[in-house]
Amino acid sequence: MKYRKFEKVQENLGSKYEEIKDELKTMPNINKHLEHENAILKQTVASLQKQSAETEAKVNNLEQYSRRCCLEIQGIPYKDNENTEEVVVYLVKQLGINIIGSEISVAHRLAPPNNSNKNPAIIVKFLSQRHYLP
């Protein structure tokens, strides 16, 4: 009886050994396939990184182009209920450039004044570049 149990355990071990042996035979093929797939993925990642860098540069250029009519003015004291458009027109006229309010698309402070920045910069967007280009 003990002998039969031993034979059965030995048969189970033998079949498990054969299964593992067969599985190990397929490992080199699986490994080659995974190495090939990894190489393809590395190429894809490199291509996407290059594409991302190019896209980032294009977006930066577009953002700069969209701000070509913008001007940041610093050092203008903040006043309650100020009209930043009038402030800009007055300042630009002081520089000898004849401009009217309708040539300004928008003018506003970058942020409300606070303890650390009592005079935040004014951003002005002109409708045309001709007034401030040499």
N, C-alpha and C. Protein backbone atom coordinates (compact mmCIF):
# COMPACT_ATOMS: atom_id res chain seq x y z
N MET A 1 0.82 -1.19 0.00
CA MET A 1 0.00 0.00 0.00
C MET A 1 0.87 1.26 0.00
N LYS A 2 1.85 1.29 0.88
CA LYS A 2 2.74 2.44 0.92
C LYS A 2 3.50 2.56 -0.40
N TYR A 3 3.81 1.40 -0.97
CA TYR A 3 4.54 1.37 -2.22
C TYR A 3 3.74 2.02 -3.35
N ARG A 4 2.42 1.76 -3.39
CA ARG A 4 1.55 2.35 -4.42
C ARG A 4 1.43 3.87 -4.25
N LYS A 5 1.34 4.33 -3.03
CA LYS A 5 1.30 5.77 -2.79
C LYS A 5 2.60 6.42 -3.27
N PHE A 6 3.68 5.76 -3.00
CA PHE A 6 4.98 6.26 -3.41
C PHE A 6 5.07 6.31 -4.94
N GLU A 7 4.55 5.26 -5.61
CA GLU A 7 4.55 5.23 -7.08
C GLU A 7 3.70 6.37 -7.64
N LYS A 8 2.56 6.61 -7.00
CA LYS A 8 1.66 7.67 -7.48
C LYS A 8 2.33 9.05 -7.31
N VAL A 9 2.97 9.27 -6.20
CA VAL A 9 3.68 10.53 -5.97
C VAL A 9 4.80 10.68 -6.98
N GLN A 10 5.50 9.59 -7.26
CA GLN A 10 6.60 9.63 -8.22
C GLN A 10 6.07 9.92 -9.63
N GLU A 11 4.93 9.35 -9.98
CA GLU A 11 4.33 9.63 -11.28
C GLU A 11 3.94 11.11 -11.40
N ASN A 12 3.34 11.64 -10.33
CA ASN A 12 2.96 13.06 -10.32
C ASN A 12 4.19 13.96 -10.47
N LEU A 13 5.24 13.62 -9.75
CA LEU A 13 6.46 14.40 -9.86
C LEU A 13 7.04 14.30 -11.26
N GLY A 14 7.00 13.11 -11.85
CA GLY A 14 7.51 12.91 -13.21
C GLY A 14 6.73 13.74 -14.21
N SER A 15 5.40 13.76 -14.08
CA SER A 15 4.60 14.53 -15.03
C SER A 15 4.82 16.03 -14.84
N LYS A 16 4.97 16.48 -13.61
CA LYS A 16 5.26 17.90 -13.34
C LYS A 16 6.62 18.26 -13.92
N TYR A 17 7.58 17.37 -13.78
CA TYR A 17 8.92 17.61 -14.32
C TYR A 17 8.84 17.76 -15.84
N GLU A 18 8.08 16.93 -16.50
CA GLU A 18 7.95 17.00 -17.96
C GLU A 18 7.25 18.30 -18.38
N GLU A 19 6.25 18.72 -17.62
CA GLU A 19 5.57 19.98 -17.91
C GLU A 19 6.54 21.16 -17.80
N ILE A 20 7.32 21.14 -16.74
CA ILE A 20 8.28 22.24 -16.54
C ILE A 20 9.35 22.20 -17.63
N LYS A 21 9.80 21.04 -17.99
CA LYS A 21 10.80 20.89 -19.04
C LYS A 21 10.26 21.41 -20.38
N ASP A 22 9.00 21.09 -20.71
CA ASP A 22 8.39 21.58 -21.95
C ASP A 22 8.24 23.11 -21.91
N GLU A 23 7.87 23.61 -20.76
CA GLU A 23 7.70 25.05 -20.61
C GLU A 23 9.03 25.76 -20.78
N LEU A 24 10.09 25.21 -20.24
CA LEU A 24 11.41 25.81 -20.38
C LEU A 24 11.89 25.82 -21.83
N LYS A 25 11.46 24.86 -22.63
CA LYS A 25 11.84 24.83 -24.03
C LYS A 25 11.25 26.01 -24.80
N THR A 26 10.08 26.49 -24.37
CA THR A 26 9.44 27.62 -25.07
C THR A 26 9.96 28.98 -24.61
N MET A 27 10.67 29.03 -23.50
CA MET A 27 11.14 30.29 -22.93
C MET A 27 12.05 31.08 -23.88
N PRO A 28 13.01 30.48 -24.57
CA PRO A 28 13.84 31.30 -25.47
C PRO A 28 13.02 32.01 -26.55
N ASN A 29 12.01 31.35 -27.10
CA ASN A 29 11.17 31.99 -28.12
C ASN A 29 10.36 33.15 -27.52
N ILE A 30 9.84 32.92 -26.34
CA ILE A 30 9.08 33.97 -25.66
C ILE A 30 9.99 35.15 -25.36
N ASN A 31 11.20 34.85 -24.89
CA ASN A 31 12.15 35.90 -24.57
C ASN A 31 12.53 36.70 -25.83
N LYS A 32 12.76 36.04 -26.95
CA LYS A 32 13.08 36.74 -28.20
C LYS A 32 11.92 37.64 -28.62
N HIS A 33 10.72 37.11 -28.50
CA HIS A 33 9.54 37.90 -28.85
C HIS A 33 9.45 39.15 -27.97
N LEU A 34 9.66 39.00 -26.68
CA LEU A 34 9.59 40.14 -25.75
C LEU A 34 10.70 41.14 -26.02
N GLU A 35 11.89 40.67 -26.36
CA GLU A 35 12.99 41.57 -26.68
C GLU A 35 12.65 42.37 -27.94
N HIS A 36 12.09 41.72 -28.93
CA HIS A 36 11.69 42.40 -30.16
C HIS A 36 10.61 43.45 -29.87
N GLU A 37 9.62 43.05 -29.10
CA GLU A 37 8.54 43.97 -28.74
C GLU A 37 9.09 45.17 -27.95
N ASN A 38 10.03 44.92 -27.05
CA ASN A 38 10.64 45.99 -26.26
C ASN A 38 11.40 46.96 -27.17
N ALA A 39 12.12 46.44 -28.15
CA ALA A 39 12.85 47.30 -29.08
C ALA A 39 11.89 48.19 -29.86
N ILE A 40 10.78 47.63 -30.30
CA ILE A 40 9.77 48.42 -31.02
C ILE A 40 9.20 49.51 -30.12
N LEU A 41 8.91 49.16 -28.88
CA LEU A 41 8.36 50.14 -27.94
C LEU A 41 9.37 51.26 -27.65
N LYS A 42 10.64 50.92 -27.55
CA LYS A 42 11.67 51.94 -27.34
C LYS A 42 11.72 52.91 -28.52
N GLN A 43 11.61 52.39 -29.73
CA GLN A 43 11.60 53.24 -30.91
C GLN A 43 10.38 54.15 -30.90
N THR A 44 9.25 53.60 -30.52
CA THR A 44 8.01 54.38 -30.47
C THR A 44 8.13 55.50 -29.44
N VAL A 45 8.67 55.18 -28.27
CA VAL A 45 8.84 56.19 -27.23
C VAL A 45 9.77 57.29 -27.70
N ALA A 46 10.89 56.92 -28.34
CA ALA A 46 11.83 57.93 -28.84
C ALA A 46 11.16 58.82 -29.88
N SER A 47 10.38 58.23 -30.76
CA SER A 47 9.67 58.99 -31.78
C SER A 47 8.66 59.94 -31.15
N LEU A 48 7.92 59.45 -30.16
CA LEU A 48 6.92 60.30 -29.49
C LEU A 48 7.58 61.41 -28.69
N GLN A 49 8.74 61.14 -28.10
CA GLN A 49 9.44 62.20 -27.37
C GLN A 49 9.90 63.29 -28.34
N LYS A 50 10.40 62.90 -29.49
CA LYS A 50 10.82 63.87 -30.50
C LYS A 50 9.62 64.69 -30.97
N GLN A 51 8.53 63.99 -31.24
CA GLN A 51 7.31 64.66 -31.70
C GLN A 51 6.79 65.63 -30.64
N SER A 52 6.85 65.22 -29.38
CA SER A 52 6.40 66.07 -28.28
C SER A 52 7.26 67.33 -28.18
N ALA A 53 8.57 67.19 -28.31
CA ALA A 53 9.47 68.35 -28.25
C ALA A 53 9.18 69.31 -29.41
N GLU A 54 8.95 68.76 -30.60
CA GLU A 54 8.64 69.61 -31.75
C GLU A 54 7.31 70.33 -31.55
N THR A 55 6.32 69.63 -31.02
CA THR A 55 5.01 70.23 -30.77
C THR A 55 5.12 71.32 -29.72
N GLU A 56 5.91 71.07 -28.69
CA GLU A 56 6.10 72.06 -27.63
C GLU A 56 6.74 73.33 -28.20
N ALA A 57 7.71 73.17 -29.08
CA ALA A 57 8.36 74.33 -29.70
C ALA A 57 7.36 75.10 -30.57
N LYS A 58 6.53 74.38 -31.32
CA LYS A 58 5.52 75.04 -32.16
C LYS A 58 4.51 75.81 -31.30
N VAL A 59 4.07 75.20 -30.22
CA VAL A 59 3.10 75.87 -29.33
C VAL A 59 3.73 77.12 -28.73
N ASN A 60 4.99 77.02 -28.33
CA ASN A 60 5.68 78.18 -27.78
C ASN A 60 5.75 79.30 -28.81
N ASN A 61 6.09 78.96 -30.05
CA ASN A 61 6.14 79.97 -31.12
C ASN A 61 4.78 80.61 -31.36
N LEU A 62 3.73 79.78 -31.34
CA LEU A 62 2.37 80.32 -31.53
C LEU A 62 1.97 81.24 -30.38
N GLU A 63 2.34 80.85 -29.16
CA GLU A 63 2.02 81.69 -28.01
C GLU A 63 2.75 83.02 -28.10
N GLN A 64 4.01 82.97 -28.50
CA GLN A 64 4.76 84.22 -28.65
C GLN A 64 4.14 85.08 -29.75
N TYR A 65 3.75 84.46 -30.83
CA TYR A 65 3.14 85.20 -31.93
C TYR A 65 1.83 85.84 -31.49
N SER A 66 1.06 85.12 -30.69
CA SER A 66 -0.22 85.67 -30.25
C SER A 66 -0.04 86.85 -29.29
N ARG A 67 1.15 86.96 -28.68
CA ARG A 67 1.42 88.07 -27.75
C ARG A 67 2.20 89.21 -28.41
N ARG A 68 2.33 89.19 -29.73
CA ARG A 68 3.16 90.18 -30.41
C ARG A 68 2.62 91.60 -30.24
N CYS A 69 1.37 91.75 -30.00
CA CYS A 69 0.78 93.08 -29.81
C CYS A 69 0.62 93.43 -28.34
N CYS A 70 1.21 92.64 -27.48
CA CYS A 70 1.07 92.88 -26.04
C CYS A 70 2.31 93.58 -25.49
N LEU A 71 2.08 94.36 -24.46
CA LEU A 71 3.16 95.09 -23.80
C LEU A 71 2.91 95.03 -22.30
N GLU A 72 3.97 94.75 -21.55
CA GLU A 72 3.87 94.74 -20.09
C GLU A 72 4.50 96.02 -19.57
N ILE A 73 3.75 96.75 -18.77
CA ILE A 73 4.23 98.03 -18.23
C ILE A 73 4.31 97.87 -16.71
N GLN A 74 5.49 98.15 -16.18
CA GLN A 74 5.69 98.03 -14.74
C GLN A 74 6.01 99.39 -14.13
N GLY A 75 5.78 99.50 -12.85
CA GLY A 75 6.16 100.71 -12.12
C GLY A 75 5.10 101.78 -12.08
N ILE A 76 3.93 101.52 -12.61
CA ILE A 76 2.84 102.51 -12.57
C ILE A 76 2.11 102.34 -11.24
N PRO A 77 2.05 103.40 -10.42
CA PRO A 77 1.37 103.27 -9.12
C PRO A 77 -0.11 102.91 -9.29
N TYR A 78 -0.56 102.02 -8.43
CA TYR A 78 -1.96 101.58 -8.45
C TYR A 78 -2.83 102.62 -7.78
N LYS A 79 -3.99 102.88 -8.37
CA LYS A 79 -5.00 103.76 -7.77
C LYS A 79 -6.33 103.02 -7.79
N ASP A 80 -7.10 103.21 -6.72
CA ASP A 80 -8.42 102.59 -6.67
C ASP A 80 -9.27 103.10 -7.83
N ASN A 81 -10.08 102.22 -8.39
CA ASN A 81 -11.00 102.54 -9.49
C ASN A 81 -10.30 103.15 -10.70
N GLU A 82 -9.06 102.75 -10.94
CA GLU A 82 -8.33 103.29 -12.08
C GLU A 82 -8.85 102.70 -13.39
N ASN A 83 -8.70 103.46 -14.44
CA ASN A 83 -9.01 103.00 -15.78
C ASN A 83 -7.66 102.73 -16.45
N THR A 84 -7.27 101.48 -16.51
CA THR A 84 -5.93 101.14 -17.02
C THR A 84 -5.76 101.55 -18.48
N GLU A 85 -6.83 101.57 -19.24
CA GLU A 85 -6.74 102.00 -20.64
C GLU A 85 -6.33 103.47 -20.71
N GLU A 86 -6.93 104.31 -19.86
CA GLU A 86 -6.57 105.72 -19.82
C GLU A 86 -5.13 105.90 -19.34
N VAL A 87 -4.72 105.10 -18.37
CA VAL A 87 -3.35 105.17 -17.87
C VAL A 87 -2.37 104.87 -18.99
N VAL A 88 -2.66 103.85 -19.79
CA VAL A 88 -1.78 103.47 -20.89
C VAL A 88 -1.75 104.56 -21.96
N VAL A 89 -2.90 105.09 -22.33
CA VAL A 89 -2.95 106.15 -23.35
C VAL A 89 -2.12 107.35 -22.88
N TYR A 90 -2.27 107.74 -21.62
CA TYR A 90 -1.51 108.87 -21.08
C TYR A 90 0.00 108.58 -21.13
N LEU A 91 0.39 107.42 -20.69
CA LEU A 91 1.81 107.04 -20.68
C LEU A 91 2.39 107.02 -22.08
N VAL A 92 1.69 106.42 -23.01
CA VAL A 92 2.18 106.31 -24.39
C VAL A 92 2.29 107.70 -25.01
N LYS A 93 1.36 108.59 -24.72
CA LYS A 93 1.43 109.97 -25.25
C LYS A 93 2.64 110.69 -24.66
N GLN A 94 2.99 110.40 -23.39
CA GLN A 94 4.17 111.00 -22.78
C GLN A 94 5.45 110.56 -23.49
N LEU A 95 5.40 109.41 -24.14
CA LEU A 95 6.54 108.91 -24.89
C LEU A 95 6.58 109.46 -26.31
N GLY A 96 5.62 110.29 -26.66
CA GLY A 96 5.59 110.92 -27.97
C GLY A 96 4.90 110.10 -29.04
N ILE A 97 4.11 109.13 -28.62
CA ILE A 97 3.38 108.30 -29.57
C ILE A 97 1.91 108.68 -29.48
N ASN A 98 1.33 109.09 -30.60
CA ASN A 98 -0.07 109.50 -30.61
C ASN A 98 -0.94 108.26 -30.72
N ILE A 99 -1.72 108.02 -29.70
CA ILE A 99 -2.58 106.83 -29.67
C ILE A 99 -3.91 107.20 -29.03
N ILE A 100 -4.96 106.52 -29.43
CA ILE A 100 -6.27 106.72 -28.82
C ILE A 100 -6.75 105.40 -28.23
N GLY A 101 -7.70 105.50 -27.33
CA GLY A 101 -8.19 104.31 -26.63
C GLY A 101 -8.73 103.22 -27.53
N SER A 102 -9.27 103.60 -28.68
CA SER A 102 -9.84 102.59 -29.57
C SER A 102 -8.76 101.73 -30.24
N GLU A 103 -7.50 102.12 -30.10
CA GLU A 103 -6.40 101.31 -30.64
C GLU A 103 -5.91 100.27 -29.63
N ILE A 104 -6.55 100.23 -28.48
CA ILE A 104 -6.20 99.26 -27.43
C ILE A 104 -7.30 98.20 -27.37
N SER A 105 -6.88 96.98 -27.48
CA SER A 105 -7.83 95.87 -27.38
C SER A 105 -8.25 95.65 -25.93
N VAL A 106 -7.25 95.58 -25.05
CA VAL A 106 -7.52 95.37 -23.63
C VAL A 106 -6.33 95.86 -22.83
N ALA A 107 -6.61 96.36 -21.63
CA ALA A 107 -5.56 96.78 -20.71
C ALA A 107 -6.03 96.44 -19.30
N HIS A 108 -5.18 95.76 -18.56
CA HIS A 108 -5.56 95.38 -17.19
C HIS A 108 -4.32 95.10 -16.35
N ARG A 109 -4.50 95.15 -15.05
CA ARG A 109 -3.43 94.77 -14.13
C ARG A 109 -3.30 93.26 -14.14
N LEU A 110 -2.07 92.79 -13.92
CA LEU A 110 -1.85 91.34 -13.89
C LEU A 110 -2.53 90.68 -12.71
N ALA A 111 -2.53 91.37 -11.58
CA ALA A 111 -3.15 90.81 -10.37
C ALA A 111 -3.58 91.97 -9.49
N PRO A 112 -4.51 91.71 -8.60
CA PRO A 112 -4.88 92.80 -7.68
C PRO A 112 -3.69 93.10 -6.76
N PRO A 113 -3.56 94.35 -6.33
CA PRO A 113 -2.45 94.69 -5.44
C PRO A 113 -2.55 93.92 -4.12
N ASN A 114 -1.39 93.60 -3.55
CA ASN A 114 -1.35 92.95 -2.24
C ASN A 114 -0.14 93.49 -1.48
N ASN A 115 0.10 92.97 -0.31
CA ASN A 115 1.19 93.49 0.53
C ASN A 115 2.55 93.36 -0.13
N SER A 116 2.79 92.27 -0.85
CA SER A 116 4.11 92.07 -1.47
C SER A 116 4.25 92.79 -2.81
N ASN A 117 3.14 93.12 -3.45
CA ASN A 117 3.19 93.78 -4.75
C ASN A 117 2.12 94.87 -4.79
N LYS A 118 2.50 96.06 -4.40
CA LYS A 118 1.52 97.15 -4.31
C LYS A 118 1.19 97.75 -5.68
N ASN A 119 2.09 97.54 -6.67
CA ASN A 119 1.90 98.09 -8.01
C ASN A 119 2.10 97.00 -9.06
N PRO A 120 1.15 96.09 -9.20
CA PRO A 120 1.33 95.04 -10.21
C PRO A 120 1.39 95.62 -11.62
N ALA A 121 2.06 94.90 -12.49
CA ALA A 121 2.24 95.35 -13.87
C ALA A 121 0.90 95.46 -14.59
N ILE A 122 0.91 96.30 -15.61
CA ILE A 122 -0.25 96.44 -16.50
C ILE A 122 0.09 95.74 -17.80
N ILE A 123 -0.84 94.94 -18.28
CA ILE A 123 -0.69 94.30 -19.59
C ILE A 123 -1.64 95.01 -20.54
N VAL A 124 -1.10 95.41 -21.68
CA VAL A 124 -1.94 96.07 -22.67
C VAL A 124 -1.76 95.32 -23.99
N LYS A 125 -2.87 95.11 -24.67
CA LYS A 125 -2.84 94.49 -25.99
C LYS A 125 -3.37 95.52 -26.97
N PHE A 126 -2.49 95.87 -27.91
CA PHE A 126 -2.88 96.83 -28.94
C PHE A 126 -3.51 96.11 -30.11
N LEU A 127 -4.33 96.82 -30.85
CA LEU A 127 -4.96 96.23 -32.03
C LEU A 127 -3.96 96.10 -33.18
N SER A 128 -2.90 96.91 -33.14
CA SER A 128 -1.92 96.90 -34.22
C SER A 128 -0.53 97.07 -33.64
N GLN A 129 0.48 96.62 -34.37
CA GLN A 129 1.86 96.78 -33.93
C GLN A 129 2.47 98.12 -34.37
N ARG A 130 1.87 98.79 -35.26
CA ARG A 130 2.51 99.93 -35.92
C ARG A 130 2.88 101.06 -34.94
N HIS A 131 2.18 101.19 -33.82
CA HIS A 131 2.46 102.29 -32.90
C HIS A 131 3.73 102.10 -32.09
N TYR A 132 4.10 100.88 -31.83
CA TYR A 132 5.26 100.70 -30.97
C TYR A 132 6.40 99.97 -31.63
N LEU A 133 6.32 99.75 -32.92
CA LEU A 133 7.45 99.19 -33.65
C LEU A 133 8.29 100.33 -34.23
N PRO A 134 9.63 100.22 -34.16
CA PRO A 134 10.48 101.29 -34.71
C PRO A 134 10.36 101.39 -36.21
